[in-house]
Amino acid sequence: MSTRTRLVLGLVLVVVGLVWFLQGVGVLGGSVMSGVTLWAVVGPAVALVGLSLALSGRGGRPPSA
């Protein structure tokens, strides 16, 4: 997986994880997931995986010419 792909996928997972967390704790309403504790637990886990993936795709050496 390329570094750009890891970065983009990681950032998407961070956003999804945050949305799931906010739905789980009842801050974002209007969904079947709202107020369900499972999503308050799964959301941060997904966000951490995404953060790890994004950090692994953000740096490194520049490609050689």
Protein backbone atom coordinates (compact mmCIF):
# COMPACT_ATOMS: atom_id res chain seq x y z
CA MET A 1 0.00 0.00 0.00
CA SER A 2 1.46 3.38 -0.96
CA THR A 3 2.14 6.04 1.64
CA ARG A 4 -0.49 8.35 0.16
CA THR A 5 -3.11 5.58 0.29
CA ARG A 6 -2.27 4.87 3.95
CA LEU A 7 -2.50 8.55 4.80
CA VAL A 8 -5.87 9.07 3.11
CA LEU A 9 -7.37 5.82 4.40
CA GLY A 10 -6.09 6.59 7.89
CA LEU A 11 -7.65 10.05 7.90
CA VAL A 12 -10.96 8.63 6.68
CA LEU A 13 -10.90 6.07 9.49
CA VAL A 14 -10.18 8.80 12.06
CA VAL A 15 -13.19 10.81 10.88
CA VAL A 16 -15.45 7.72 10.80
CA GLY A 17 -14.27 6.71 14.28
CA LEU A 18 -15.00 10.16 15.67
CA VAL A 19 -18.48 10.20 14.12
CA TRP A 20 -19.22 6.75 15.54
CA PHE A 21 -18.02 7.84 18.98
CA LEU A 22 -20.16 10.98 18.92
CA GLN A 23 -23.18 8.94 17.85
CA GLY A 24 -22.49 6.37 20.55
CA VAL A 25 -22.40 8.97 23.33
CA GLY A 26 -25.52 10.65 21.96
CA VAL A 27 -23.98 13.93 20.74
CA LEU A 28 -24.94 13.24 17.11
CA GLY A 29 -28.53 12.11 16.91
CA GLY A 30 -30.82 10.92 14.16
CA SER A 31 -29.32 7.47 13.70
CA VAL A 32 -29.97 3.95 14.93
CA MET A 33 -26.43 4.12 16.33
CA SER A 34 -27.23 7.14 18.53
CA GLY A 35 -26.96 6.43 22.23
CA VAL A 36 -25.68 2.86 21.74
CA THR A 37 -22.66 2.22 23.95
CA LEU A 38 -21.11 -0.20 21.45
CA TRP A 39 -20.37 2.68 19.07
CA ALA A 40 -18.88 4.75 21.89
CA VAL A 41 -16.32 1.95 22.28
CA VAL A 42 -15.80 0.93 18.64
CA GLY A 43 -15.44 4.53 17.43
CA PRO A 44 -12.26 5.40 19.34
CA ALA A 45 -10.74 2.03 18.44
CA VAL A 46 -11.33 2.71 14.74
CA ALA A 47 -9.98 6.25 15.14
CA LEU A 48 -6.78 4.92 16.77
CA VAL A 49 -6.26 2.41 13.96
CA GLY A 50 -6.79 5.22 11.47
CA LEU A 51 -4.35 7.48 13.30
CA SER A 52 -1.73 4.75 13.29
CA LEU A 53 -2.27 4.13 9.59
CA ALA A 54 -2.13 7.85 8.78
CA LEU A 55 1.08 8.33 10.76
CA SER A 56 2.69 5.38 9.00
CA GLY A 57 1.83 6.94 5.66
CA ARG A 58 2.83 10.51 6.39
CA GLY A 59 6.60 10.43 6.53
CA GLY A 60 9.62 8.58 5.38
CA ARG A 61 12.25 9.33 2.82
CA PRO A 62 11.38 11.05 -0.41
CA PRO A 63 11.39 8.65 -3.36
CA SER A 64 14.69 8.42 -5.20
CA ALA A 65 14.89 9.78 -8.72
